[in-house]
Amino acid sequence: MEFHSDLLYRIALTKIPLIGPIHARNLMSYCGSAKAVFSEKRANLLKVPNIGDQLATNILTSEVLHEAEAEIKYLTKNNIQPLFFKDEEFPSTLAQLNDSPLILYRKGNAELNAERMVAIVGTRSCSTYGQLLCEQFIEGMKKYNVTTVSGMAFGIDACAHKTSLVNNIPTIAIMGTGFGTIYPHQHRSLAQEIVENGSLLTEFSHQKGPDKDHFPARNRIIAGMCDALLVVESARRGGSMITAFFANDYNKDVFTFPGKVGIKNSSGPHFLIKNSLAHLIENADDLAEILRWEENSKSDGIQKKLFLELTEQEQTIVNCMRKTDESSMHYLISSLDMSPGKISGILLELEFKGLVRCLPGNRYLLTE
């Protein structure tokens, strides 16, 4: 396995104490590359926003290059692929987020930019009914050519992965540890099955164990990668709810099943529904209908046909929206030689055609 010549410095950058993904990206942007960060003068480092004395000292004195060398040896020995956030194979929906990991480590061959990615999360102590809902949902998703994403925890996560494997649906497990520790250890055989029929993915170096703060970080990746998130049974507080809140922050569609009133594991889904943070669904087809999915990716042909029918002004707006992940009305008004009223009318037409989705805050997203 060949690695990028800058990989040593990219990995080293993630190991600097107190340097998170946002600081790491800023440093690379100002210095030009990961390698350049380590040869930059202290005075120049201090000019980078939010890089104070302590962080500059950490950059200049840390022995992280040696740690990065050890990491690369581990990757090579265990056939693990490092993916930099600018790499083509890196999940594009995740790379666009400010708090996206700088590097992901992957074992397996699942497509990380699959056309349709559905994340399924829920309580570790799921009921028989919750497990049945999860199984039926994934079986119903098969005809829509999805890839599933979850966190390989006990309960709903494990059910999601196992049901996906049984139905020959690619599945991706986002780990809260490095590859040196499979957690929970009871899922070692499940992890191997996922490697053979999907992928294991983590942002943590191989020696990192199941620290408490790793799991909220893991949850943001689950939310960031998916097109839609399903919560199956959850208490009002916990990892599944954290993932749902991340998904809402990232403007992803969140779905959940209603549960029995007064049951602890219904309180999370009911909170999401009552506060308009999730769509209430009863089955996989409900989700597909809301997202305007067609079976077996037939929507591609429909959308191409619709593009042939676009007016010149509609095509102009679509082309403008393609330049950014998400378009605000202000962005469109400032970018186009059209009145606000005209733009609003055209956006409405594009919504009717299924090409544009209106998001909170007067923002718009292409659905193509």
Protein backbone atom coordinates (compact mmCIF):
# COMPACT_ATOMS: atom_id res chain seq x y z
CA MET A 1 0.00 0.00 0.00
CA GLU A 2 1.47 3.33 -1.11
CA PHE A 3 1.03 6.39 1.07
CA HIS A 4 1.07 10.10 0.25
CA SER A 5 4.44 11.71 0.81
CA ASP A 6 2.87 14.20 3.23
CA LEU A 7 1.16 11.49 5.31
CA LEU A 8 3.73 11.58 8.13
CA TYR A 9 3.03 15.27 8.75
CA ARG A 10 -0.72 14.93 8.31
CA ILE A 11 -0.86 12.26 11.00
CA ALA A 12 1.55 14.17 13.21
CA LEU A 13 -0.69 17.21 13.00
CA THR A 14 -3.59 15.24 14.51
CA LYS A 15 -1.39 14.18 17.44
CA ILE A 16 -0.36 17.64 18.61
CA PRO A 17 -1.83 18.25 22.09
CA LEU A 18 -4.91 20.53 22.07
CA ILE A 19 -5.04 20.67 18.26
CA GLY A 20 -8.48 19.67 17.02
CA PRO A 21 -9.65 19.40 13.41
CA ILE A 22 -10.63 23.07 13.12
CA HIS A 23 -7.24 24.32 14.35
CA ALA A 24 -5.48 21.76 12.15
CA ARG A 25 -7.28 22.97 9.04
CA ASN A 26 -6.52 26.60 9.86
CA LEU A 27 -2.85 25.81 10.32
CA MET A 28 -2.65 24.01 6.98
CA SER A 29 -4.50 26.83 5.26
CA TYR A 30 -2.13 29.49 6.60
CA CYS A 31 1.09 27.49 6.24
CA GLY A 32 0.30 25.81 2.93
CA SER A 33 0.60 22.14 3.93
CA ALA A 34 0.88 19.84 6.91
CA LYS A 35 4.64 19.59 6.42
CA ALA A 36 4.99 23.37 6.36
CA VAL A 37 3.32 23.64 9.77
CA PHE A 38 6.26 21.88 11.41
CA SER A 39 8.87 24.14 9.81
CA GLU A 40 7.03 27.41 10.41
CA LYS A 41 8.52 30.04 12.70
CA ARG A 42 6.85 30.69 16.05
CA ALA A 43 6.04 34.30 15.14
CA ASN A 44 4.14 33.16 12.07
CA LEU A 45 2.29 30.43 13.96
CA LEU A 46 1.03 33.05 16.40
CA LYS A 47 -0.56 34.93 13.50
CA VAL A 48 -2.89 32.00 12.82
CA PRO A 49 -6.33 32.66 14.39
CA ASN A 50 -6.77 31.01 17.80
CA ILE A 51 -3.21 29.65 17.88
CA GLY A 52 -1.84 31.08 21.11
CA ASP A 53 1.42 30.58 22.99
CA GLN A 54 0.57 27.13 24.33
CA LEU A 55 -0.51 25.69 21.00
CA ALA A 56 2.51 27.20 19.23
CA THR A 57 4.75 25.63 21.87
CA ASN A 58 3.05 22.27 21.40
CA ILE A 59 3.63 22.43 17.66
CA LEU A 60 7.31 23.26 18.00
CA THR A 61 8.24 20.94 20.86
CA SER A 62 6.01 17.87 20.55
CA GLU A 63 7.55 14.55 19.57
CA VAL A 64 4.61 13.77 17.35
CA LEU A 65 6.62 12.92 14.23
CA HIS A 66 7.93 9.81 16.00
CA GLU A 67 4.39 8.89 16.99
CA ALA A 68 3.28 9.38 13.38
CA GLU A 69 6.04 7.04 12.17
CA ALA A 70 4.76 4.34 14.53
CA GLU A 71 1.23 4.90 13.26
CA ILE A 72 2.29 4.44 9.64
CA LYS A 73 4.05 1.17 10.52
CA TYR A 74 0.84 -0.06 12.16
CA LEU A 75 -1.24 0.96 9.13
CA THR A 76 1.09 -0.88 6.78
CA LYS A 77 1.21 -4.04 8.88
CA ASN A 78 -2.58 -4.22 9.29
CA ASN A 79 -3.64 -3.15 5.80
CA ILE A 80 -5.45 -0.03 7.04
CA GLN A 81 -6.00 2.84 4.64
CA PRO A 82 -5.59 6.45 5.80
CA LEU A 83 -7.92 8.93 4.11
CA PHE A 84 -7.14 12.64 4.18
CA PHE A 85 -10.12 15.00 4.13
CA LYS A 86 -9.17 16.23 0.66
CA ASP A 87 -8.88 12.71 -0.80
CA GLU A 88 -11.47 11.64 -3.36
CA GLU A 89 -12.46 8.58 -1.30
CA PHE A 90 -13.02 10.60 1.90
CA PRO A 91 -16.76 11.00 2.62
CA SER A 92 -17.61 14.22 0.80
CA THR A 93 -20.60 15.09 3.00
CA LEU A 94 -18.34 14.85 6.04
CA ALA A 95 -15.42 16.76 4.51
CA GLN A 96 -17.63 19.82 4.01
CA LEU A 97 -18.22 20.21 7.75
CA ASN A 98 -16.05 22.52 9.83
CA ASP A 99 -15.43 19.87 12.47
CA SER A 100 -14.70 17.06 10.03
CA PRO A 101 -11.74 14.84 11.00
CA LEU A 102 -8.51 15.63 9.23
CA ILE A 103 -7.88 11.91 8.67
CA LEU A 104 -10.01 8.78 8.76
CA TYR A 105 -8.59 5.27 9.00
CA ARG A 106 -10.45 2.59 7.04
CA LYS A 107 -10.42 -1.17 6.85
CA GLY A 108 -12.73 -2.69 4.23
CA ASN A 109 -13.97 -1.62 0.83
CA ALA A 110 -17.39 -0.03 1.29
CA GLU A 111 -18.05 3.02 -0.87
CA LEU A 112 -17.87 5.98 1.50
CA ASN A 113 -19.61 8.23 -1.00
CA ALA A 114 -22.49 5.91 -1.80
CA GLU A 115 -25.51 7.52 -3.44
CA ARG A 116 -27.75 6.84 -0.43
CA MET A 117 -26.40 6.59 3.10
CA VAL A 118 -28.76 5.87 6.01
CA ALA A 119 -27.51 5.88 9.60
CA ILE A 120 -29.38 3.83 12.20
CA VAL A 121 -28.79 4.43 15.92
CA GLY A 122 -30.59 3.60 19.13
CA THR A 123 -30.37 2.37 22.67
CA ARG A 124 -28.00 -0.37 23.78
CA SER A 125 -30.84 -1.90 25.83
CA CYS A 126 -33.35 -2.26 23.03
CA SER A 127 -36.61 -4.15 23.35
CA THR A 128 -37.64 -7.06 21.15
CA TYR A 129 -40.06 -4.65 19.47
CA GLY A 130 -37.29 -2.12 18.80
CA GLN A 131 -35.11 -4.83 17.30
CA LEU A 132 -37.99 -5.93 15.08
CA LEU A 133 -38.56 -2.36 13.89
CA CYS A 134 -34.87 -2.04 13.03
CA GLU A 135 -34.82 -5.35 11.13
CA GLN A 136 -37.99 -4.57 9.18
CA PHE A 137 -36.75 -1.08 8.32
CA ILE A 138 -33.44 -2.33 6.91
CA GLU A 139 -35.13 -5.12 4.97
CA GLY A 140 -37.43 -2.47 3.51
CA MET A 141 -34.44 -0.30 2.58
CA LYS A 142 -32.86 -2.99 0.42
CA LYS A 143 -34.83 -2.04 -2.70
CA TYR A 144 -33.54 1.53 -2.44
CA ASN A 145 -29.85 0.57 -2.80
CA VAL A 146 -28.66 2.08 0.45
CA THR A 147 -25.52 1.78 2.53
CA THR A 148 -26.10 1.69 6.27
CA VAL A 149 -24.01 3.41 8.93
CA SER A 150 -23.94 2.79 12.68
CA GLY A 151 -21.61 2.67 15.67
CA MET A 152 -21.13 -1.09 16.35
CA ALA A 153 -22.43 -0.73 19.92
CA PHE A 154 -24.70 -3.21 21.64
CA GLY A 155 -28.41 -3.08 20.91
CA ILE A 156 -29.76 -1.21 17.89
CA ASP A 157 -26.31 -0.53 16.39
CA ALA A 158 -25.41 -4.22 16.31
CA CYS A 159 -28.87 -5.09 15.00
CA ALA A 160 -28.45 -2.58 12.16
CA HIS A 161 -25.08 -4.02 11.11
CA LYS A 162 -26.16 -7.67 11.42
CA THR A 163 -29.41 -7.15 9.52
CA SER A 164 -27.54 -5.28 6.78
CA LEU A 165 -25.07 -8.16 6.44
CA VAL A 166 -27.87 -10.73 6.22
CA ASN A 167 -29.52 -8.68 3.46
CA ASN A 168 -26.26 -8.07 1.55
CA ILE A 169 -26.50 -4.35 2.21
CA PRO A 170 -23.10 -2.60 2.55
CA THR A 171 -22.63 -1.41 6.12
CA ILE A 172 -20.11 0.95 7.71
CA ALA A 173 -19.22 0.90 11.41
CA ILE A 174 -17.87 4.12 12.89
CA MET A 175 -15.63 3.22 15.82
CA GLY A 176 -15.04 5.18 19.01
CA THR A 177 -11.61 3.59 19.35
CA GLY A 178 -8.52 3.02 17.26
CA PHE A 179 -7.98 -0.25 15.41
CA GLY A 180 -5.90 -1.60 18.27
CA THR A 181 -9.07 -2.01 20.33
CA ILE A 182 -12.37 -3.41 19.06
CA TYR A 183 -15.09 -2.15 21.39
CA PRO A 184 -17.08 -3.82 22.71
CA HIS A 185 -14.75 -6.81 22.54
CA GLN A 186 -17.76 -9.13 22.13
CA HIS A 187 -18.14 -7.65 18.63
CA ARG A 188 -14.78 -8.78 17.26
CA SER A 189 -16.38 -11.35 14.97
CA LEU A 190 -18.98 -8.79 13.88
CA ALA A 191 -16.18 -6.34 13.11
CA GLN A 192 -14.50 -8.92 10.88
CA GLU A 193 -17.76 -9.57 9.03
CA ILE A 194 -18.16 -5.84 8.49
CA VAL A 195 -14.63 -5.60 7.08
CA GLU A 196 -15.48 -8.33 4.59
CA ASN A 197 -18.82 -6.78 3.57
CA GLY A 198 -18.38 -3.09 4.30
CA SER A 199 -15.90 -0.99 6.25
CA LEU A 200 -14.70 -0.13 9.71
CA LEU A 201 -13.90 3.57 10.04
CA THR A 202 -12.31 5.66 12.78
CA GLU A 203 -10.57 8.98 13.27
CA PHE A 204 -8.56 7.64 16.22
CA SER A 205 -5.01 6.32 16.04
CA HIS A 206 -4.53 2.63 16.75
CA GLN A 207 -3.55 2.91 20.43
CA LYS A 208 -6.66 4.89 21.44
CA GLY A 209 -9.10 2.98 23.64
CA PRO A 210 -12.77 3.57 24.50
CA ASP A 211 -12.41 6.92 26.26
CA LYS A 212 -15.67 8.58 27.24
CA ASP A 213 -15.17 11.65 25.04
CA HIS A 214 -14.49 9.53 21.95
CA PHE A 215 -18.11 8.52 21.52
CA PRO A 216 -19.69 11.96 21.01
CA ALA A 217 -16.89 12.54 18.49
CA ARG A 218 -17.79 9.24 16.83
CA ASN A 219 -21.45 10.28 16.76
CA ARG A 220 -20.72 13.45 14.80
CA ILE A 221 -19.11 11.32 12.08
CA ILE A 222 -22.19 9.08 11.90
CA ALA A 223 -24.38 12.17 11.54
CA GLY A 224 -22.02 13.88 9.11
CA MET A 225 -21.73 10.92 6.72
CA CYS A 226 -25.39 10.05 6.31
CA ASP A 227 -28.13 11.45 4.09
CA ALA A 228 -30.73 10.43 6.66
CA LEU A 229 -30.58 9.36 10.30
CA LEU A 230 -33.03 6.97 11.95
CA VAL A 231 -33.36 6.81 15.74
CA VAL A 232 -34.83 3.49 16.95
CA GLU A 233 -35.65 3.60 20.68
CA SER A 234 -33.71 5.95 22.93
CA ALA A 235 -33.90 7.55 26.33
CA ARG A 236 -34.23 11.33 26.45
CA ARG A 237 -30.46 11.59 26.93
CA GLY A 238 -27.69 9.49 25.47
CA GLY A 239 -25.57 8.86 22.42
CA SER A 240 -28.44 8.41 19.99
CA MET A 241 -29.90 11.78 20.93
CA ILE A 242 -26.48 13.42 20.60
CA THR A 243 -26.26 11.96 17.10
CA ALA A 244 -29.73 13.28 16.27
CA PHE A 245 -28.78 16.77 17.47
CA PHE A 246 -25.61 16.65 15.34
CA ALA A 247 -27.68 15.58 12.34
CA ASN A 248 -30.06 18.49 12.82
CA ASP A 249 -27.13 20.88 13.13
CA TYR A 250 -25.79 19.49 9.85
CA ASN A 251 -29.21 19.91 8.18
CA LYS A 252 -29.68 16.17 7.71
CA ASP A 253 -33.13 14.58 7.69
CA VAL A 254 -33.83 12.75 10.97
CA PHE A 255 -36.50 10.06 11.32
CA THR A 256 -37.86 8.05 14.22
CA PHE A 257 -40.57 5.59 15.16
CA PRO A 258 -43.19 6.47 17.77
CA GLY A 259 -43.23 4.31 20.89
CA LYS A 260 -45.43 3.49 23.84
CA VAL A 261 -46.14 6.45 26.12
CA GLY A 262 -44.40 6.28 29.50
CA ILE A 263 -41.63 3.91 28.35
CA LYS A 264 -38.08 5.21 28.87
CA ASN A 265 -36.90 4.23 25.41
CA SER A 266 -39.83 6.08 23.83
CA SER A 267 -38.94 9.37 25.50
CA GLY A 268 -36.13 10.21 23.06
CA PRO A 269 -38.13 9.64 19.86
CA HIS A 270 -41.14 11.44 21.32
CA PHE A 271 -38.98 14.45 22.25
CA LEU A 272 -37.64 14.60 18.69
CA ILE A 273 -41.13 14.40 17.21
CA LYS A 274 -42.69 16.95 19.57
CA ASN A 275 -39.91 19.46 18.89
CA SER A 276 -39.97 18.98 15.10
CA LEU A 277 -36.47 17.49 15.16
CA ALA A 278 -37.49 14.27 13.42
CA HIS A 279 -40.06 12.95 10.98
CA LEU A 280 -42.42 10.32 12.38
CA ILE A 281 -42.33 7.21 10.19
CA GLU A 282 -43.71 3.69 10.39
CA ASN A 283 -41.58 1.93 7.78
CA ALA A 284 -38.82 2.30 5.20
CA ASP A 285 -41.19 3.45 2.47
CA ASP A 286 -42.21 6.43 4.60
CA LEU A 287 -38.60 7.59 4.71
CA ALA A 288 -38.13 7.03 0.99
CA GLU A 289 -41.29 8.98 0.19
CA ILE A 290 -40.21 11.96 2.29
CA LEU A 291 -36.78 11.94 0.63
CA ARG A 292 -38.37 11.38 -2.79
CA TRP A 293 -36.34 8.28 -3.41
CA GLU A 294 -37.34 5.88 -6.14
CA GLU A 295 -36.69 2.16 -5.95
CA ASN A 296 -33.42 0.92 -7.46
CA SER A 297 -32.12 4.45 -8.12
CA LYS A 298 -34.68 5.14 -10.84
CA SER A 299 -34.67 8.74 -9.63
CA ASP A 300 -31.45 9.34 -11.57
CA GLY A 301 -33.26 8.96 -14.88
CA ILE A 302 -36.16 11.08 -13.68
CA GLN A 303 -33.88 13.87 -12.55
CA LYS A 304 -31.92 13.85 -15.83
CA LYS A 305 -35.22 14.14 -17.68
CA LEU A 306 -36.25 17.06 -15.49
CA PHE A 307 -33.00 18.85 -16.20
CA LEU A 308 -33.75 18.66 -19.92
CA GLU A 309 -37.03 20.44 -19.19
CA LEU A 310 -35.56 23.30 -17.17
CA THR A 311 -36.05 26.85 -18.36
CA GLU A 312 -32.98 29.00 -18.91
CA GLN A 313 -33.53 30.85 -15.61
CA GLU A 314 -34.10 27.60 -13.70
CA GLN A 315 -30.87 26.20 -15.12
CA THR A 316 -29.06 29.41 -14.12
CA ILE A 317 -30.17 29.02 -10.51
CA VAL A 318 -29.29 25.30 -10.45
CA ASN A 319 -25.80 26.07 -11.83
CA CYS A 320 -25.34 28.74 -9.17
CA MET A 321 -26.41 26.37 -6.39
CA ARG A 322 -23.95 23.71 -7.58
CA LYS A 323 -21.09 26.01 -6.60
CA THR A 324 -21.85 25.68 -2.90
CA ASP A 325 -22.99 22.93 -0.56
CA GLU A 326 -25.98 24.92 0.62
CA SER A 327 -27.45 28.14 -0.80
CA SER A 328 -29.02 30.92 1.22
CA MET A 329 -31.43 33.39 -0.34
CA HIS A 330 -28.85 36.11 0.32
CA TYR A 331 -26.24 34.12 -1.63
CA LEU A 332 -28.55 33.69 -4.60
CA ILE A 333 -29.62 37.33 -4.64
CA SER A 334 -26.00 38.54 -4.50
CA SER A 335 -24.89 36.05 -7.18
CA LEU A 336 -27.67 36.40 -9.73
CA ASP A 337 -29.06 39.25 -11.79
CA MET A 338 -32.65 38.53 -10.70
CA SER A 339 -35.07 40.10 -8.26
CA PRO A 340 -35.72 38.34 -4.91
CA GLY A 341 -39.31 37.69 -5.95
CA LYS A 342 -38.23 36.09 -9.22
CA ILE A 343 -35.70 33.86 -7.45
CA SER A 344 -38.31 32.79 -4.88
CA GLY A 345 -40.76 31.84 -7.62
CA ILE A 346 -38.19 29.80 -9.53
CA LEU A 347 -37.06 28.03 -6.34
CA LEU A 348 -40.66 27.06 -5.68
CA GLU A 349 -40.92 25.56 -9.17
CA LEU A 350 -37.69 23.65 -8.61
CA GLU A 351 -39.12 22.33 -5.33
CA PHE A 352 -42.19 21.06 -7.19
CA LYS A 353 -39.87 19.27 -9.61
CA GLY A 354 -38.01 17.63 -6.74
CA LEU A 355 -34.69 19.31 -7.52
CA VAL A 356 -34.50 21.67 -4.54
CA ARG A 357 -35.29 21.25 -0.86
CA CYS A 358 -36.07 24.22 1.40
CA LEU A 359 -34.16 24.16 4.71
CA PRO A 360 -34.69 26.18 7.90
CA GLY A 361 -33.31 29.73 7.80
CA ASN A 362 -34.33 30.46 4.20
CA ARG A 363 -31.65 28.13 2.83
CA TYR A 364 -31.91 25.75 -0.12
CA LEU A 365 -30.26 22.47 -1.03
CA LEU A 366 -30.02 20.72 -4.39
CA THR A 367 -31.39 17.18 -4.14
CA GLU A 368 -29.73 15.90 -7.32
